[in-house]
C-alpha atoms as a PDB file:
ATOM      1  CA  MET A   1       7.383 -51.732   4.642  1.00  0.00           C
ATOM      2  CA  SER A   2       5.427 -48.721   5.008  1.00  0.00           C
ATOM      3  CA  ILE A   3       4.818 -46.357   7.945  1.00  0.00           C
ATOM      4  CA  PRO A   4       1.383 -45.968   8.884  1.00  0.00           C
ATOM      5  CA  LEU A   5       0.317 -42.223   8.737  1.00  0.00           C
ATOM      6  CA  TYR A   6      -1.624 -40.781  11.607  1.00  0.00           C
ATOM      7  CA  ILE A   7      -3.935 -38.312  11.116  1.00  0.00           C
ATOM      8  CA  GLY A   8      -6.443 -36.734  13.897  1.00  0.00           C
ATOM      9  CA  TRP A   9      -6.575 -34.564  16.707  1.00  0.00           C
ATOM     10  CA  GLN A  10      -3.846 -36.801  18.879  1.00  0.00           C
ATOM     11  CA  ARG A  11      -1.349 -36.036  17.015  1.00  0.00           C
ATOM     12  CA  ILE A  12      -1.993 -32.508  17.266  1.00  0.00           C
ATOM     13  CA  LEU A  13      -2.262 -32.868  20.825  1.00  0.00           C
ATOM     14  CA  ASP A  14       1.062 -34.931  21.403  1.00  0.00           C
ATOM     15  CA  GLY A  15       3.288 -32.551  19.060  1.00  0.00           C
ATOM     16  CA  GLN A  16       1.610 -29.020  21.419  1.00  0.00           C
ATOM     17  CA  GLY A  17       0.231 -28.403  17.871  1.00  0.00           C
ATOM     18  CA  LEU A  18      -2.371 -26.072  19.784  1.00  0.00           C
ATOM     19  CA  GLY A  19       0.136 -24.332  21.986  1.00  0.00           C
ATOM     20  CA  ILE A  20       2.280 -23.338  18.964  1.00  0.00           C
ATOM     21  CA  ALA A  21      -0.770 -21.857  17.240  1.00  0.00           C
ATOM     22  CA  PHE A  22      -2.541 -20.075  20.000  1.00  0.00           C
ATOM     23  CA  THR A  23       1.247 -18.559  20.596  1.00  0.00           C
ATOM     24  CA  GLY A  24       1.369 -17.526  16.849  1.00  0.00           C
ATOM     25  CA  MET A  25      -1.802 -16.148  16.698  1.00  0.00           C
ATOM     26  CA  PHE A  26      -1.191 -13.761  19.939  1.00  0.00           C
ATOM     27  CA  ILE A  27       2.285 -12.737  18.168  1.00  0.00           C
ATOM     28  CA  VAL A  28       0.271 -11.631  15.038  1.00  0.00           C
ATOM     29  CA  PHE A  29      -2.684  -9.910  17.143  1.00  0.00           C
ATOM     30  CA  LEU A  30       0.255  -7.749  19.291  1.00  0.00           C
ATOM     31  CA  ALA A  31       2.088  -6.809  15.921  1.00  0.00           C
ATOM     32  CA  LEU A  32      -1.213  -5.820  14.231  1.00  0.00           C
ATOM     33  CA  ALA A  33      -2.464  -3.937  17.708  1.00  0.00           C
ATOM     34  CA  ALA A  34       1.054  -2.120  17.228  1.00  0.00           C
ATOM     35  CA  ILE A  35       0.388  -1.554  14.293  1.00  0.00           C
ATOM     36  CA  SER A  36      -3.090  -0.037  14.734  1.00  0.00           C
ATOM     37  CA  LEU A  37      -1.331   2.283  17.648  1.00  0.00           C
ATOM     38  CA  CYS A  38       0.872   3.599  15.427  1.00  0.00           C
ATOM     39  CA  ILE A  39      -1.340   4.796  12.856  1.00  0.00           C
ATOM     40  CA  ALA A  40      -3.690   6.096  15.697  1.00  0.00           C
ATOM     41  CA  LEU A  41      -0.731   8.338  17.487  1.00  0.00           C
ATOM     42  CA  LEU A  42       0.826   8.986  14.008  1.00  0.00           C
ATOM     43  CA  PRO A  43      -1.894  12.619  13.657  1.00  0.00           C
ATOM     44  CA  LYS A  44      -0.789  13.710  17.121  1.00  0.00           C
ATOM     45  CA  VAL A  45       3.077  12.750  16.686  1.00  0.00           C
ATOM     46  CA  MET A  46       2.883  14.873  13.291  1.00  0.00           C
ATOM     47  CA  ALA A  47       1.093  18.084  14.943  1.00  0.00           C
ATOM     48  CA  ALA A  48       3.864  17.774  17.499  1.00  0.00           C
ATOM     49  CA  PHE A  49       6.418  18.305  15.112  1.00  0.00           C
ATOM     50  CA  GLY A  50       4.246  20.146  12.591  1.00  0.00           C
ATOM     51  CA  ASP A  51       6.055  23.558  13.609  1.00  0.00           C
ATOM     52  CA  ASP A  52       9.719  21.895  12.647  1.00  0.00           C
ATOM     53  CA  LEU A  53       8.475  20.566   9.255  1.00  0.00           C
ATOM     54  CA  PRO A  54       8.822  22.735   6.309  1.00  0.00           C
ATOM     55  CA  GLU A  55       5.913  24.636   4.753  1.00  0.00           C
ATOM     56  CA  ARG A  56       4.772  23.428   0.697  1.00  0.00           C
ATOM     57  CA  PRO A  57       5.654  25.888  -1.842  1.00  0.00           C
ATOM     58  CA  ASN A  58       2.948  27.927  -3.161  1.00  0.00           C
ATOM     59  CA  THR A  59       1.722  26.169  -6.431  1.00  0.00           C
ATOM     60  CA  PRO A  60       0.430  28.389  -8.819  1.00  0.00           C
ATOM     61  CA  THR A  61      -3.777  27.873  -9.170  1.00  0.00           C
ATOM     62  CA  GLU A  62      -3.961  28.478 -12.880  1.00  0.00           C
ATOM     63  CA  PRO A  63      -1.949  26.241 -15.250  1.00  0.00           C
ATOM     64  CA  ASP A  64       0.631  26.954 -17.543  1.00  0.00           C
ATOM     65  CA  SER A  65      -1.127  27.500 -20.845  1.00  0.00           C
ATOM     66  CA  SER A  66       1.996  26.524 -23.007  1.00  0.00           C
ATOM     67  CA  HIS A  67       1.100  23.352 -21.977  1.00  0.00           C
ATOM     68  CA  ASP A  68      -2.073  23.572 -23.591  1.00  0.00           C
ATOM     69  CA  ASP A  69      -0.828  24.696 -26.596  1.00  0.00           C
ATOM     70  CA  GLU A  70       1.459  22.233 -26.871  1.00  0.00           C
ATOM     71  CA  ALA A  71      -0.942  19.152 -25.902  1.00  0.00           C
ATOM     72  CA  LEU A  72      -2.976  21.010 -28.768  1.00  0.00           C
ATOM     73  CA  ALA A  73      -0.452  20.559 -31.258  1.00  0.00           C
ATOM     74  CA  ALA A  74       0.448  17.000 -30.308  1.00  0.00           C
ATOM     75  CA  ALA A  75      -3.525  16.268 -30.671  1.00  0.00           C
ATOM     76  CA  VAL A  76      -3.505  17.898 -34.024  1.00  0.00           C
ATOM     77  CA  GLY A  77      -0.583  16.390 -35.047  1.00  0.00           C
ATOM     78  CA  CYS A  78      -2.095  12.410 -34.280  1.00  0.00           C
ATOM     79  CA  ALA A  79      -5.252  13.456 -35.809  1.00  0.00           C
ATOM     80  CA  LEU A  80      -3.609  14.186 -39.497  1.00  0.00           C
ATOM     81  CA  ASP A  81      -1.654  11.216 -38.884  1.00  0.00           C
ATOM     82  CA  GLU A  82      -4.397   9.035 -38.478  1.00  0.00           C
ATOM     83  CA  LYS A  83      -5.835  10.495 -41.365  1.00  0.00           C
ATOM     84  CA  ASN A  84      -2.805  10.157 -43.404  1.00  0.00           C
ATOM     85  CA  ASN A  85      -2.016   6.617 -42.960  1.00  0.00           C
ATOM     86  CA  ASN A  86      -5.422   5.260 -43.422  1.00  0.00           C
ATOM     87  CA  ARG A  87      -5.605   6.402 -47.328  1.00  0.00           C
END
């Protein structure tokens, strides 16, 4: 004996499906609105606490030339290794 499968809008209306769906959508809307509000207020909050935050350390504008020498040496070594392995 099988149980008949009822499909359609009547099952949704009987089980308060629409009310549950709209309640869920409203909760998600409120959560997204709260997140948007927090993101919108973040610059103002950061400006208010900006004096208390530490400043960024000064970074040199010129890159260190020793890193360029090491990169050049690595590139030459890689090229020579490729040349010797292809013989």
